[in-house]
Amino acid sequence: MRPALRFVLFDLDGTLVDSSPLHDRAFREVIADRRPEWLASFRYDDIRGLTTADAFRTLGASDPELVELVSRKRAAYARLAQERGVRAFEGAAILLVALARRGIASYVVTSAARSSAQRSLGRTGLAPHVRGIVAAEDVSHGKPSPEPYLVALRRFGLRARDGLVVEDAASGLASARAAGLFAIRVHGYFDPRERGEWSSNLVTLRARLVRT
C-alpha cells in the first residue's frame, strides 16, 4: 500500500509563481550591459532552475565578476517585479489550501534568494499557505545537486517516502530525484524520454493530488 501523502515540496519560480518572463528579462538586461557577447546565444530555458550564480557560471562568467553580476540581476528582477507585478499561476492558492485541508504540508525549495522568494510569496498571497522555505542561501550547492531537497527533509523533519516534489525545470527534477524524492513536472511540455510524471497545470495537479 502506498503511504499517505504528508507533504509537498514546491519549486517557486515557474512552478507556483509565473515569474520566469521577469527573470528572463532581468538576465537579458544585465547581459546586454555587462557581457553583450552572450546575448545572441542566451536562452533562459538553458539556465532555468539554477541559482543566479550558477546560471552566470554556466554562461561563462568568471568568479571575480560573479558578485557584481548576481547583484545586478537580483536588483533588475526586484525592479521588474515591482513595476510589472508578479502573479501566481492559476490554481496555485486553491491547490495549497486543498492540501492544507487534508493535512498535507506545503514547503518551498527554491534557487532564488530568500528575500526574493518571500516577496513573491507575499505579493501573490501564497505566503500563509507555505510552512517553510529553503532558499539559495541555505545550501552550498544548488539544483541539480540533491542538497536543496536534502536540506528541506532535514530542516522540516520529513521522510522522503511521505511526500513528493513539484518542479518545472530539469535541474529541479534531477535534484529531487537524487535526494530520493518522487517528482512531478508541471507546466511546459511532456518529454517522453524523461522518467516521471507531468501535469500541464496546477488545476489538473490538484485533482491528482487530492485524489491521491
N, C-alpha and C. Protein backbone atom coordinates (compact mmCIF):
# COMPACT_ATOMS: atom_id res chain seq x y z
N MET A 1 0.86 -1.20 0.00
CA MET A 1 0.00 0.00 0.00
C MET A 1 0.89 1.24 0.00
N ARG A 2 0.55 2.22 -0.84
CA ARG A 2 1.33 3.45 -0.90
C ARG A 2 1.07 4.30 0.34
N PRO A 3 2.13 4.81 0.99
CA PRO A 3 1.92 5.64 2.19
C PRO A 3 1.08 6.88 1.87
N ALA A 4 0.36 7.36 2.87
CA ALA A 4 -0.43 8.57 2.69
C ALA A 4 0.50 9.76 2.43
N LEU A 5 0.05 10.66 1.57
CA LEU A 5 0.82 11.86 1.26
C LEU A 5 0.77 12.81 2.45
N ARG A 6 1.95 13.20 2.96
CA ARG A 6 2.02 14.05 4.14
C ARG A 6 2.58 15.45 3.84
N PHE A 7 3.33 15.58 2.75
CA PHE A 7 3.89 16.90 2.41
C PHE A 7 4.18 16.98 0.93
N VAL A 8 4.26 18.23 0.45
CA VAL A 8 4.68 18.51 -0.92
C VAL A 8 5.73 19.61 -0.87
N LEU A 9 6.85 19.40 -1.54
CA LEU A 9 7.89 20.41 -1.67
C LEU A 9 7.77 21.03 -3.05
N PHE A 10 7.48 22.32 -3.10
CA PHE A 10 7.28 23.02 -4.36
C PHE A 10 8.49 23.87 -4.72
N ASP A 11 8.90 23.82 -5.96
CA ASP A 11 9.74 24.88 -6.50
C ASP A 11 8.87 26.13 -6.56
N LEU A 12 9.47 27.29 -6.74
CA LEU A 12 8.71 28.53 -6.74
C LEU A 12 8.56 29.14 -8.13
N ASP A 13 9.66 29.69 -8.67
CA ASP A 13 9.59 30.38 -9.96
C ASP A 13 9.34 29.40 -11.09
N GLY A 14 8.27 29.64 -11.83
CA GLY A 14 7.92 28.75 -12.92
C GLY A 14 7.05 27.58 -12.49
N THR A 15 6.87 27.42 -11.18
CA THR A 15 6.05 26.32 -10.66
C THR A 15 4.81 26.85 -9.97
N LEU A 16 4.99 27.61 -8.90
CA LEU A 16 3.86 28.26 -8.23
C LEU A 16 3.63 29.68 -8.73
N VAL A 17 4.72 30.35 -9.09
CA VAL A 17 4.66 31.76 -9.47
C VAL A 17 5.12 31.94 -10.91
N ASP A 18 4.35 32.69 -11.67
CA ASP A 18 4.63 32.89 -13.09
C ASP A 18 5.62 34.04 -13.27
N SER A 19 6.84 33.81 -12.80
CA SER A 19 7.85 34.86 -12.79
C SER A 19 8.97 34.64 -13.80
N SER A 20 8.94 33.54 -14.52
CA SER A 20 10.03 33.23 -15.45
C SER A 20 10.26 34.33 -16.49
N PRO A 21 9.21 34.92 -17.07
CA PRO A 21 9.46 36.01 -18.03
C PRO A 21 10.22 37.19 -17.42
N LEU A 22 9.98 37.47 -16.15
CA LEU A 22 10.69 38.57 -15.50
C LEU A 22 12.15 38.20 -15.25
N HIS A 23 12.40 36.96 -14.86
CA HIS A 23 13.78 36.52 -14.67
C HIS A 23 14.53 36.55 -16.01
N ASP A 24 13.87 36.11 -17.06
CA ASP A 24 14.45 36.16 -18.41
C ASP A 24 14.85 37.59 -18.76
N ARG A 25 13.93 38.53 -18.55
CA ARG A 25 14.19 39.93 -18.87
C ARG A 25 15.33 40.49 -18.01
N ALA A 26 15.35 40.13 -16.73
CA ALA A 26 16.40 40.63 -15.83
C ALA A 26 17.77 40.14 -16.27
N PHE A 27 17.88 38.86 -16.60
CA PHE A 27 19.14 38.34 -17.11
C PHE A 27 19.56 39.07 -18.38
N ARG A 28 18.63 39.26 -19.29
CA ARG A 28 18.96 39.90 -20.56
C ARG A 28 19.44 41.34 -20.36
N GLU A 29 18.83 42.07 -19.44
CA GLU A 29 19.26 43.44 -19.17
C GLU A 29 20.71 43.47 -18.68
N VAL A 30 21.04 42.58 -17.75
CA VAL A 30 22.39 42.56 -17.19
C VAL A 30 23.39 42.10 -18.24
N ILE A 31 23.04 41.08 -18.99
CA ILE A 31 23.95 40.58 -20.03
C ILE A 31 24.20 41.64 -21.09
N ALA A 32 23.15 42.33 -21.51
CA ALA A 32 23.31 43.37 -22.52
C ALA A 32 24.23 44.48 -22.05
N ASP A 33 24.20 44.76 -20.76
CA ASP A 33 25.01 45.83 -20.20
C ASP A 33 26.43 45.41 -19.91
N ARG A 34 26.61 44.19 -19.36
CA ARG A 34 27.92 43.77 -18.88
C ARG A 34 28.65 42.80 -19.80
N ARG A 35 27.90 41.87 -20.43
CA ARG A 35 28.54 40.88 -21.30
C ARG A 35 27.70 40.70 -22.58
N PRO A 36 27.63 41.72 -23.42
CA PRO A 36 26.75 41.67 -24.60
C PRO A 36 27.08 40.54 -25.56
N GLU A 37 28.28 40.01 -25.51
CA GLU A 37 28.64 38.92 -26.41
C GLU A 37 27.87 37.63 -26.11
N TRP A 38 27.28 37.55 -24.92
CA TRP A 38 26.48 36.36 -24.56
C TRP A 38 25.05 36.44 -25.10
N LEU A 39 24.60 37.61 -25.46
CA LEU A 39 23.18 37.82 -25.69
C LEU A 39 22.63 37.00 -26.85
N ALA A 40 23.37 36.87 -27.92
CA ALA A 40 22.86 36.17 -29.11
C ALA A 40 22.53 34.71 -28.83
N SER A 41 23.28 34.09 -27.94
CA SER A 41 23.07 32.67 -27.67
C SER A 41 22.32 32.41 -26.36
N PHE A 42 21.91 33.48 -25.69
CA PHE A 42 21.25 33.30 -24.39
C PHE A 42 19.85 32.73 -24.55
N ARG A 43 19.56 31.67 -23.80
CA ARG A 43 18.21 31.09 -23.72
C ARG A 43 17.92 30.84 -22.24
N TYR A 44 16.88 31.47 -21.74
CA TYR A 44 16.58 31.31 -20.32
C TYR A 44 16.31 29.86 -19.95
N ASP A 45 15.71 29.10 -20.87
CA ASP A 45 15.41 27.70 -20.57
C ASP A 45 16.67 26.90 -20.27
N ASP A 46 17.81 27.34 -20.80
CA ASP A 46 19.06 26.61 -20.57
C ASP A 46 19.54 26.75 -19.12
N ILE A 47 19.11 27.79 -18.43
CA ILE A 47 19.57 28.02 -17.05
C ILE A 47 18.42 27.98 -16.05
N ARG A 48 17.23 27.67 -16.54
CA ARG A 48 16.04 27.64 -15.67
C ARG A 48 16.27 26.69 -14.50
N GLY A 49 15.98 27.15 -13.31
CA GLY A 49 16.09 26.31 -12.13
C GLY A 49 17.41 26.41 -11.40
N LEU A 50 18.41 27.02 -12.03
CA LEU A 50 19.71 27.17 -11.38
C LEU A 50 19.72 28.40 -10.48
N THR A 51 20.62 28.42 -9.52
CA THR A 51 20.82 29.64 -8.76
C THR A 51 21.35 30.71 -9.71
N THR A 52 21.23 31.97 -9.33
CA THR A 52 21.72 33.05 -10.19
C THR A 52 23.22 32.92 -10.43
N ALA A 53 23.96 32.59 -9.39
CA ALA A 53 25.41 32.43 -9.54
C ALA A 53 25.74 31.29 -10.49
N ASP A 54 25.07 30.15 -10.32
CA ASP A 54 25.33 29.01 -11.19
C ASP A 54 24.91 29.31 -12.63
N ALA A 55 23.85 30.08 -12.78
CA ALA A 55 23.42 30.46 -14.12
C ALA A 55 24.50 31.26 -14.83
N PHE A 56 25.07 32.23 -14.13
CA PHE A 56 26.13 33.04 -14.75
C PHE A 56 27.39 32.21 -14.99
N ARG A 57 27.68 31.27 -14.10
CA ARG A 57 28.82 30.38 -14.34
C ARG A 57 28.60 29.57 -15.62
N THR A 58 27.39 29.08 -15.80
CA THR A 58 27.06 28.32 -17.00
C THR A 58 27.25 29.16 -18.26
N LEU A 59 26.93 30.44 -18.14
CA LEU A 59 27.07 31.33 -19.29
C LEU A 59 28.53 31.67 -19.59
N GLY A 60 29.41 31.45 -18.61
CA GLY A 60 30.83 31.71 -18.83
C GLY A 60 31.44 32.76 -17.94
N ALA A 61 30.73 33.18 -16.90
CA ALA A 61 31.25 34.21 -16.01
C ALA A 61 32.41 33.68 -15.18
N SER A 62 33.36 34.53 -14.92
CA SER A 62 34.48 34.18 -14.05
C SER A 62 34.11 34.51 -12.61
N ASP A 63 34.78 33.87 -11.67
CA ASP A 63 34.46 34.10 -10.26
C ASP A 63 34.59 35.57 -9.85
N PRO A 64 35.61 36.31 -10.33
CA PRO A 64 35.73 37.72 -9.91
C PRO A 64 34.54 38.59 -10.28
N GLU A 65 33.84 38.26 -11.36
CA GLU A 65 32.72 39.10 -11.78
C GLU A 65 31.37 38.61 -11.28
N LEU A 66 31.34 37.46 -10.61
CA LEU A 66 30.07 36.87 -10.20
C LEU A 66 29.29 37.76 -9.24
N VAL A 67 29.98 38.31 -8.26
CA VAL A 67 29.29 39.11 -7.24
C VAL A 67 28.53 40.26 -7.88
N GLU A 68 29.19 40.97 -8.79
CA GLU A 68 28.52 42.10 -9.44
C GLU A 68 27.38 41.64 -10.33
N LEU A 69 27.58 40.58 -11.10
CA LEU A 69 26.53 40.10 -11.99
C LEU A 69 25.30 39.64 -11.21
N VAL A 70 25.54 38.89 -10.14
CA VAL A 70 24.42 38.40 -9.33
C VAL A 70 23.67 39.58 -8.70
N SER A 71 24.41 40.54 -8.17
CA SER A 71 23.79 41.70 -7.54
C SER A 71 22.95 42.49 -8.55
N ARG A 72 23.50 42.70 -9.74
CA ARG A 72 22.77 43.44 -10.77
C ARG A 72 21.51 42.70 -11.22
N LYS A 73 21.63 41.39 -11.36
CA LYS A 73 20.46 40.62 -11.81
C LYS A 73 19.36 40.65 -10.76
N ARG A 74 19.71 40.46 -9.50
CA ARG A 74 18.70 40.48 -8.44
C ARG A 74 18.04 41.85 -8.35
N ALA A 75 18.82 42.90 -8.51
CA ALA A 75 18.25 44.25 -8.48
C ALA A 75 17.32 44.47 -9.67
N ALA A 76 17.72 43.98 -10.84
CA ALA A 76 16.89 44.13 -12.03
C ALA A 76 15.58 43.38 -11.87
N TYR A 77 15.65 42.17 -11.30
CA TYR A 77 14.42 41.40 -11.11
C TYR A 77 13.50 42.08 -10.10
N ALA A 78 14.06 42.57 -9.01
CA ALA A 78 13.24 43.24 -7.99
C ALA A 78 12.53 44.45 -8.59
N ARG A 79 13.24 45.20 -9.43
CA ARG A 79 12.63 46.37 -10.07
C ARG A 79 11.51 45.95 -11.03
N LEU A 80 11.76 44.94 -11.84
CA LEU A 80 10.75 44.48 -12.79
C LEU A 80 9.52 43.92 -12.07
N ALA A 81 9.76 43.19 -10.98
CA ALA A 81 8.64 42.64 -10.22
C ALA A 81 7.80 43.76 -9.61
N GLN A 82 8.46 44.82 -9.16
CA GLN A 82 7.74 45.96 -8.60
C GLN A 82 6.96 46.70 -9.68
N GLU A 83 7.56 46.87 -10.84
CA GLU A 83 6.92 47.61 -11.93
C GLU A 83 5.78 46.84 -12.57
N ARG A 84 5.99 45.57 -12.80
CA ARG A 84 5.04 44.79 -13.59
C ARG A 84 4.17 43.85 -12.76
N GLY A 85 4.61 43.62 -11.53
CA GLY A 85 3.86 42.72 -10.67
C GLY A 85 4.21 41.26 -10.94
N VAL A 86 4.02 40.44 -9.93
CA VAL A 86 4.24 39.00 -10.03
C VAL A 86 2.93 38.32 -9.69
N ARG A 87 2.56 37.34 -10.48
CA ARG A 87 1.29 36.66 -10.21
C ARG A 87 1.53 35.17 -10.01
N ALA A 88 0.66 34.58 -9.21
CA ALA A 88 0.69 33.13 -9.05
C ALA A 88 0.03 32.48 -10.26
N PHE A 89 0.46 31.29 -10.58
CA PHE A 89 -0.21 30.53 -11.63
C PHE A 89 -1.65 30.22 -11.21
N GLU A 90 -2.51 30.10 -12.20
CA GLU A 90 -3.89 29.73 -11.93
C GLU A 90 -3.94 28.43 -11.14
N GLY A 91 -4.70 28.46 -10.07
CA GLY A 91 -4.88 27.25 -9.25
C GLY A 91 -3.88 27.08 -8.14
N ALA A 92 -2.86 27.96 -8.06
CA ALA A 92 -1.82 27.78 -7.04
C ALA A 92 -2.39 27.88 -5.63
N ALA A 93 -3.10 28.96 -5.34
CA ALA A 93 -3.64 29.15 -3.99
C ALA A 93 -4.65 28.07 -3.64
N ILE A 94 -5.51 27.73 -4.59
CA ILE A 94 -6.52 26.69 -4.35
C ILE A 94 -5.85 25.35 -4.05
N LEU A 95 -4.78 25.06 -4.78
CA LEU A 95 -4.04 23.82 -4.54
C LEU A 95 -3.46 23.79 -3.13
N LEU A 96 -2.79 24.85 -2.72
CA LEU A 96 -2.18 24.88 -1.39
C LEU A 96 -3.23 24.78 -0.28
N VAL A 97 -4.35 25.45 -0.48
CA VAL A 97 -5.44 25.38 0.52
C VAL A 97 -6.01 23.97 0.58
N ALA A 98 -6.22 23.35 -0.58
CA ALA A 98 -6.77 22.00 -0.62
C ALA A 98 -5.85 21.00 0.06
N LEU A 99 -4.55 21.16 -0.13
CA LEU A 99 -3.61 20.27 0.54
C LEU A 99 -3.66 20.47 2.05
N ALA A 100 -3.67 21.73 2.49
CA ALA A 100 -3.69 22.01 3.93
C ALA A 100 -4.94 21.43 4.59
N ARG A 101 -6.06 21.51 3.91
CA ARG A 101 -7.31 20.98 4.47
C ARG A 101 -7.25 19.48 4.68
N ARG A 102 -6.39 18.82 3.96
CA ARG A 102 -6.22 17.37 4.09
C ARG A 102 -5.01 17.01 4.95
N GLY A 103 -4.45 18.02 5.62
CA GLY A 103 -3.33 17.77 6.50
C GLY A 103 -2.02 17.56 5.80
N ILE A 104 -1.93 18.00 4.54
CA ILE A 104 -0.71 17.85 3.75
C ILE A 104 0.04 19.18 3.77
N ALA A 105 1.24 19.19 4.30
CA ALA A 105 2.02 20.43 4.45
C ALA A 105 2.71 20.81 3.15
N SER A 106 2.78 22.10 2.87
CA SER A 106 3.44 22.62 1.67
C SER A 106 4.66 23.44 2.07
N TYR A 107 5.77 23.18 1.39
CA TYR A 107 7.01 23.91 1.59
C TYR A 107 7.54 24.37 0.24
N VAL A 108 8.43 25.35 0.25
CA VAL A 108 9.06 25.84 -0.97
C VAL A 108 10.56 25.57 -0.91
N VAL A 109 11.08 25.01 -2.00
CA VAL A 109 12.52 24.78 -2.15
C VAL A 109 12.92 25.48 -3.44
N THR A 110 13.61 26.59 -3.32
CA THR A 110 13.84 27.47 -4.46
C THR A 110 15.31 27.81 -4.65
N SER A 111 15.68 28.10 -5.89
CA SER A 111 17.03 28.57 -6.20
C SER A 111 17.14 30.08 -6.02
N ALA A 112 16.03 30.73 -5.74
CA ALA A 112 16.03 32.18 -5.55
C ALA A 112 16.57 32.55 -4.17
N ALA A 113 16.97 33.81 -4.03
CA ALA A 113 17.34 34.32 -2.71
C ALA A 113 16.11 34.33 -1.81
N ARG A 114 16.32 34.18 -0.52
CA ARG A 114 15.20 34.15 0.41
C ARG A 114 14.36 35.43 0.34
N SER A 115 15.01 36.56 0.24
CA SER A 115 14.26 37.82 0.18
C SER A 115 13.37 37.87 -1.04
N SER A 116 13.87 37.40 -2.18
CA SER A 116 13.09 37.38 -3.41
C SER A 116 11.92 36.41 -3.29
N ALA A 117 12.17 35.24 -2.72
CA ALA A 117 11.11 34.25 -2.55
C ALA A 117 10.02 34.77 -1.62
N GLN A 118 10.42 35.40 -0.53
CA GLN A 118 9.44 35.92 0.41
C GLN A 118 8.60 37.03 -0.22
N ARG A 119 9.23 37.89 -1.03
CA ARG A 119 8.47 38.94 -1.71
C ARG A 119 7.46 38.33 -2.68
N SER A 120 7.89 37.33 -3.44
CA SER A 120 6.98 36.71 -4.41
C SER A 120 5.81 36.03 -3.71
N LEU A 121 6.09 35.31 -2.64
CA LEU A 121 5.01 34.64 -1.91
C LEU A 121 4.06 35.66 -1.28
N GLY A 122 4.62 36.76 -0.77
CA GLY A 122 3.78 37.79 -0.17
C GLY A 122 2.91 38.50 -1.19
N ARG A 123 3.50 38.87 -2.32
CA ARG A 123 2.75 39.61 -3.34
C ARG A 123 1.66 38.78 -4.00
N THR A 124 1.87 37.47 -4.06
CA THR A 124 0.88 36.61 -4.70
C THR A 124 -0.14 36.05 -3.71
N GLY A 125 0.05 36.32 -2.43
CA GLY A 125 -0.88 35.83 -1.42
C GLY A 125 -0.68 34.37 -1.05
N LEU A 126 0.42 33.79 -1.47
CA LEU A 126 0.66 32.36 -1.18
C LEU A 126 1.36 32.14 0.15
N ALA A 127 1.97 33.17 0.70
CA ALA A 127 2.79 33.03 1.91
C ALA A 127 2.08 32.32 3.07
N PRO A 128 0.80 32.63 3.37
CA PRO A 128 0.16 31.98 4.52
C PRO A 128 0.02 30.47 4.39
N HIS A 129 0.15 29.96 3.17
CA HIS A 129 -0.08 28.54 2.93
C HIS A 129 1.22 27.74 2.86
N VAL A 130 2.36 28.40 3.06
CA VAL A 130 3.66 27.74 2.97
C VAL A 130 4.28 27.67 4.36
N ARG A 131 4.64 26.48 4.79
CA ARG A 131 5.15 26.29 6.16
C ARG A 131 6.62 26.66 6.31
N GLY A 132 7.38 26.60 5.23
CA GLY A 132 8.79 26.90 5.34
C GLY A 132 9.44 27.02 3.98
N ILE A 133 10.63 27.61 3.96
CA ILE A 133 11.35 27.86 2.71
C ILE A 133 12.80 27.40 2.85
N VAL A 134 13.31 26.74 1.82
CA VAL A 134 14.74 26.53 1.64
C VAL A 134 15.13 27.35 0.42
N ALA A 135 16.06 28.30 0.61
CA ALA A 135 16.43 29.23 -0.45
C ALA A 135 17.91 29.08 -0.79
N ALA A 136 18.36 29.91 -1.74
CA ALA A 136 19.73 29.79 -2.24
C ALA A 136 20.76 29.91 -1.13
N GLU A 137 20.51 30.77 -0.15
CA GLU A 137 21.48 30.99 0.93
C GLU A 137 21.63 29.78 1.85
N ASP A 138 20.70 28.86 1.78
CA ASP A 138 20.68 27.74 2.72
C ASP A 138 21.53 26.55 2.28
N VAL A 139 22.09 26.63 1.08
CA VAL A 139 22.84 25.48 0.56
C VAL A 139 24.17 25.93 -0.03
N SER A 140 25.09 25.00 -0.09
CA SER A 140 26.38 25.26 -0.73
C SER A 140 26.33 24.95 -2.21
N HIS A 141 25.48 24.01 -2.59
CA HIS A 141 25.33 23.60 -3.98
C HIS A 141 23.86 23.60 -4.34
N GLY A 142 23.51 24.37 -5.37
CA GLY A 142 22.12 24.46 -5.79
C GLY A 142 21.72 23.32 -6.70
N LYS A 143 20.46 23.35 -7.13
CA LYS A 143 19.97 22.35 -8.08
C LYS A 143 20.84 22.39 -9.34
N PRO A 144 21.18 21.25 -9.94
CA PRO A 144 20.62 19.91 -9.78
C PRO A 144 21.24 19.06 -8.66
N SER A 145 22.10 19.62 -7.83
CA SER A 145 22.58 18.89 -6.67
C SER A 145 21.38 18.50 -5.80
N PRO A 146 21.43 17.36 -5.13
CA PRO A 146 20.33 16.99 -4.23
C PRO A 146 20.29 17.81 -2.95
N GLU A 147 21.31 18.62 -2.71
CA GLU A 147 21.41 19.32 -1.42
C GLU A 147 20.17 20.13 -1.05
N PRO A 148 19.58 20.93 -1.96
CA PRO A 148 18.41 21.72 -1.53
C PRO A 148 17.29 20.86 -0.96
N TYR A 149 17.01 19.72 -1.58
CA TYR A 149 15.92 18.88 -1.08
C TYR A 149 16.34 18.08 0.15
N LEU A 150 17.60 17.70 0.23
CA LEU A 150 18.08 17.02 1.44
C LEU A 150 18.02 17.97 2.64
N VAL A 151 18.37 19.25 2.41
CA VAL A 151 18.27 20.24 3.48
C VAL A 151 16.82 20.39 3.94
N ALA A 152 15.90 20.43 2.98
CA ALA A 152 14.48 20.56 3.33
C ALA A 152 14.01 19.37 4.17
N LEU A 153 14.40 18.17 3.79
CA LEU A 153 13.99 17.00 4.55
C LEU A 153 14.51 17.07 5.99
N ARG A 154 15.77 17.44 6.14
CA ARG A 154 16.35 17.53 7.49
C ARG A 154 15.73 18.67 8.29
N ARG A 155 15.64 19.83 7.67
CA ARG A 155 15.19 21.02 8.40
C ARG A 155 13.75 20.88 8.89
N PHE A 156 12.91 20.29 8.06
CA PHE A 156 11.49 20.22 8.41
C PHE A 156 11.09 18.86 9.00
N GLY A 157 12.08 17.99 9.21
CA GLY A 157 11.80 16.71 9.84
C GLY A 157 10.91 15.80 9.00
N LEU A 158 11.21 15.71 7.71
CA LEU A 158 10.38 14.96 6.78
C LEU A 158 11.09 13.68 6.33
N ARG A 159 10.29 12.68 5.93
CA ARG A 159 10.82 11.46 5.33
C ARG A 159 10.46 11.46 3.85
N ALA A 160 11.44 11.15 3.01
CA ALA A 160 11.22 11.21 1.56
C ALA A 160 10.03 10.39 1.12
N ARG A 161 9.80 9.25 1.74
CA ARG A 161 8.73 8.36 1.29
C ARG A 161 7.34 8.92 1.58
N ASP A 162 7.26 9.95 2.44
CA ASP A 162 5.96 10.50 2.82
C ASP A 162 5.49 11.66 1.94
N GLY A 163 6.32 12.09 0.98
CA GLY A 163 5.93 13.26 0.19
C GLY A 163 6.41 13.20 -1.23
N LEU A 164 6.28 14.32 -1.91
CA LEU A 164 6.73 14.42 -3.28
C LEU A 164 7.12 15.86 -3.60
N VAL A 165 7.69 16.03 -4.78
CA VAL A 165 8.18 17.32 -5.24
C VAL A 165 7.43 17.73 -6.50
N VAL A 166 7.17 19.04 -6.63
CA VAL A 166 6.58 19.60 -7.85
C VAL A 166 7.57 20.62 -8.40
N GLU A 167 8.00 20.42 -9.64
CA GLU A 167 9.04 21.23 -10.27
C GLU A 167 8.66 21.53 -11.71
N ASP A 168 9.28 22.59 -12.26
CA ASP A 168 9.07 22.89 -13.68
C ASP A 168 10.33 22.71 -14.51
N ALA A 169 11.49 22.59 -13.88
CA ALA A 169 12.75 22.59 -14.61
C ALA A 169 13.49 21.27 -14.44
N ALA A 170 14.25 20.91 -15.47
CA ALA A 170 15.00 19.66 -15.45
C ALA A 170 15.99 19.61 -14.29
N SER A 171 16.62 20.75 -13.99
CA SER A 171 17.59 20.77 -12.88
C SER A 171 16.91 20.49 -11.55
N GLY A 172 15.70 20.98 -11.37
CA GLY A 172 14.97 20.73 -10.14
C GLY A 172 14.52 19.29 -10.01
N LEU A 173 14.08 18.73 -11.13
CA LEU A 173 13.67 17.32 -11.11
C LEU A 173 14.86 16.43 -10.77
N ALA A 174 16.01 16.72 -11.36
CA ALA A 174 17.21 15.94 -11.08
C ALA A 174 17.60 16.06 -9.61
N SER A 175 17.49 17.26 -9.05
CA SER A 175 17.80 17.50 -7.64
C SER A 175 16.90 16.66 -6.74
N ALA A 176 15.60 16.70 -7.00
CA ALA A 176 14.63 15.98 -6.18
C ALA A 176 14.87 14.48 -6.24
N ARG A 177 15.04 13.96 -7.43
CA ARG A 177 15.21 12.51 -7.58
C ARG A 177 16.50 12.02 -6.97
N ALA A 178 17.56 12.85 -7.06
CA ALA A 178 18.83 12.47 -6.44
C ALA A 178 18.72 12.44 -4.92
N ALA A 179 17.75 13.19 -4.38
CA ALA A 179 17.51 13.20 -2.94
C ALA A 179 16.56 12.08 -2.51
N GLY A 180 16.13 11.25 -3.46
CA GLY A 180 15.27 10.13 -3.15
C GLY A 180 13.80 10.45 -3.11
N LEU A 181 13.41 11.56 -3.73
CA LEU A 181 12.02 12.00 -3.71
C LEU A 181 11.33 11.74 -5.05
N PHE A 182 10.07 11.40 -4.99
CA PHE A 182 9.25 11.29 -6.20
C PHE A 182 8.94 12.70 -6.70
N ALA A 183 9.07 12.94 -7.98
CA ALA A 183 8.90 14.30 -8.51
C ALA A 183 7.93 14.31 -9.67
N ILE A 184 7.12 15.37 -9.72
CA ILE A 184 6.18 15.61 -10.81
C ILE A 184 6.56 16.91 -11.49
N ARG A 185 6.63 16.89 -12.81
CA ARG A 185 6.89 18.12 -13.56
C ARG A 185 5.55 18.79 -13.88
N VAL A 186 5.53 20.11 -13.76
CA VAL A 186 4.31 20.86 -14.06
C VAL A 186 4.63 21.96 -15.06
N HIS A 187 3.63 22.30 -15.89
CA HIS A 187 3.77 23.31 -16.94
C HIS A 187 4.71 22.82 -18.05
N GLY A 188 4.99 23.69 -18.97
CA GLY A 188 5.90 23.32 -20.05
C GLY A 188 5.32 22.23 -20.93
N TYR A 189 6.11 21.22 -21.19
CA TYR A 189 5.70 20.15 -22.09
C TYR A 189 6.15 18.81 -21.52
N PHE A 190 5.54 17.74 -22.02
CA PHE A 190 5.92 16.41 -21.58
C PHE A 190 6.96 15.83 -22.53
N ASP A 191 8.08 15.42 -21.98
CA ASP A 191 9.14 14.78 -22.75
C ASP A 191 9.11 13.29 -22.44
N PRO A 192 8.70 12.45 -23.40
CA PRO A 192 8.58 11.01 -23.13
C PRO A 192 9.91 10.35 -22.76
N ARG A 193 11.02 11.03 -23.05
CA ARG A 193 12.32 10.47 -22.70
C ARG A 193 12.63 10.66 -21.22
N GLU A 194 11.87 11.52 -20.56
CA GLU A 194 12.13 11.85 -19.16
C GLU A 194 11.25 11.00 -18.26
N ARG A 195 11.90 10.25 -17.37
CA ARG A 195 11.11 9.42 -16.46
C ARG A 195 10.35 10.31 -15.47
N GLY A 196 9.24 9.79 -15.00
CA GLY A 196 8.46 10.56 -14.04
C GLY A 196 7.11 10.95 -14.60
N GLU A 197 6.43 11.83 -13.90
CA GLU A 197 5.09 12.23 -14.26
C GLU A 197 5.03 13.72 -14.56
N TRP A 198 3.97 14.13 -15.24
CA TRP A 198 3.83 15.50 -15.70
C TRP A 198 2.37 15.92 -15.61
N SER A 199 2.13 17.17 -15.19
CA SER A 199 0.80 17.77 -15.23
C SER A 199 0.90 19.09 -15.97
N SER A 200 -0.06 19.35 -16.83
CA SER A 200 0.02 20.54 -17.67
C SER A 200 -0.15 21.83 -16.88
N ASN A 201 -0.85 21.79 -15.74
CA ASN A 201 -1.07 22.99 -14.94
C ASN A 201 -1.41 22.59 -13.50
N LEU A 202 -1.53 23.58 -12.64
CA LEU A 202 -1.78 23.32 -11.23
C LEU A 202 -3.21 22.90 -10.95
N VAL A 203 -4.12 23.24 -11.84
CA VAL A 203 -5.51 22.82 -11.66
C VAL A 203 -5.62 21.31 -11.82
N THR A 204 -5.03 20.76 -12.86
CA THR A 204 -5.07 19.31 -13.05
C THR A 204 -4.23 18.60 -11.98
N LEU A 205 -3.15 19.24 -11.56
CA LEU A 205 -2.34 18.64 -10.50
C LEU A 205 -3.13 18.52 -9.20
N ARG A 206 -3.93 19.55 -8.89
CA ARG A 206 -4.72 19.49 -7.66
C ARG A 206 -5.66 18.29 -7.68
N ALA A 207 -6.30 18.05 -8.80
CA ALA A 207 -7.23 16.91 -8.89
C ALA A 207 -6.50 15.60 -8.61
N ARG A 208 -5.27 15.49 -9.11
CA ARG A 208 -4.49 14.26 -8.90
C ARG A 208 -4.06 14.13 -7.45
N LEU A 209 -3.55 15.20 -6.86
CA LEU A 209 -3.02 15.10 -5.51
C LEU A 209 -4.14 14.92 -4.48
N VAL A 210 -5.24 15.61 -4.67
CA VAL A 210 -6.35 15.48 -3.74
C VAL A 210 -6.92 14.08 -3.80
N ARG A 211 -6.99 13.53 -5.01
CA ARG A 211 -7.47 12.16 -5.18
C ARG A 211 -6.54 11.18 -4.50
N THR A 212 -5.21 11.44 -4.66
CA THR A 212 -4.23 10.58 -4.02
C THR A 212 -4.36 10.63 -2.50
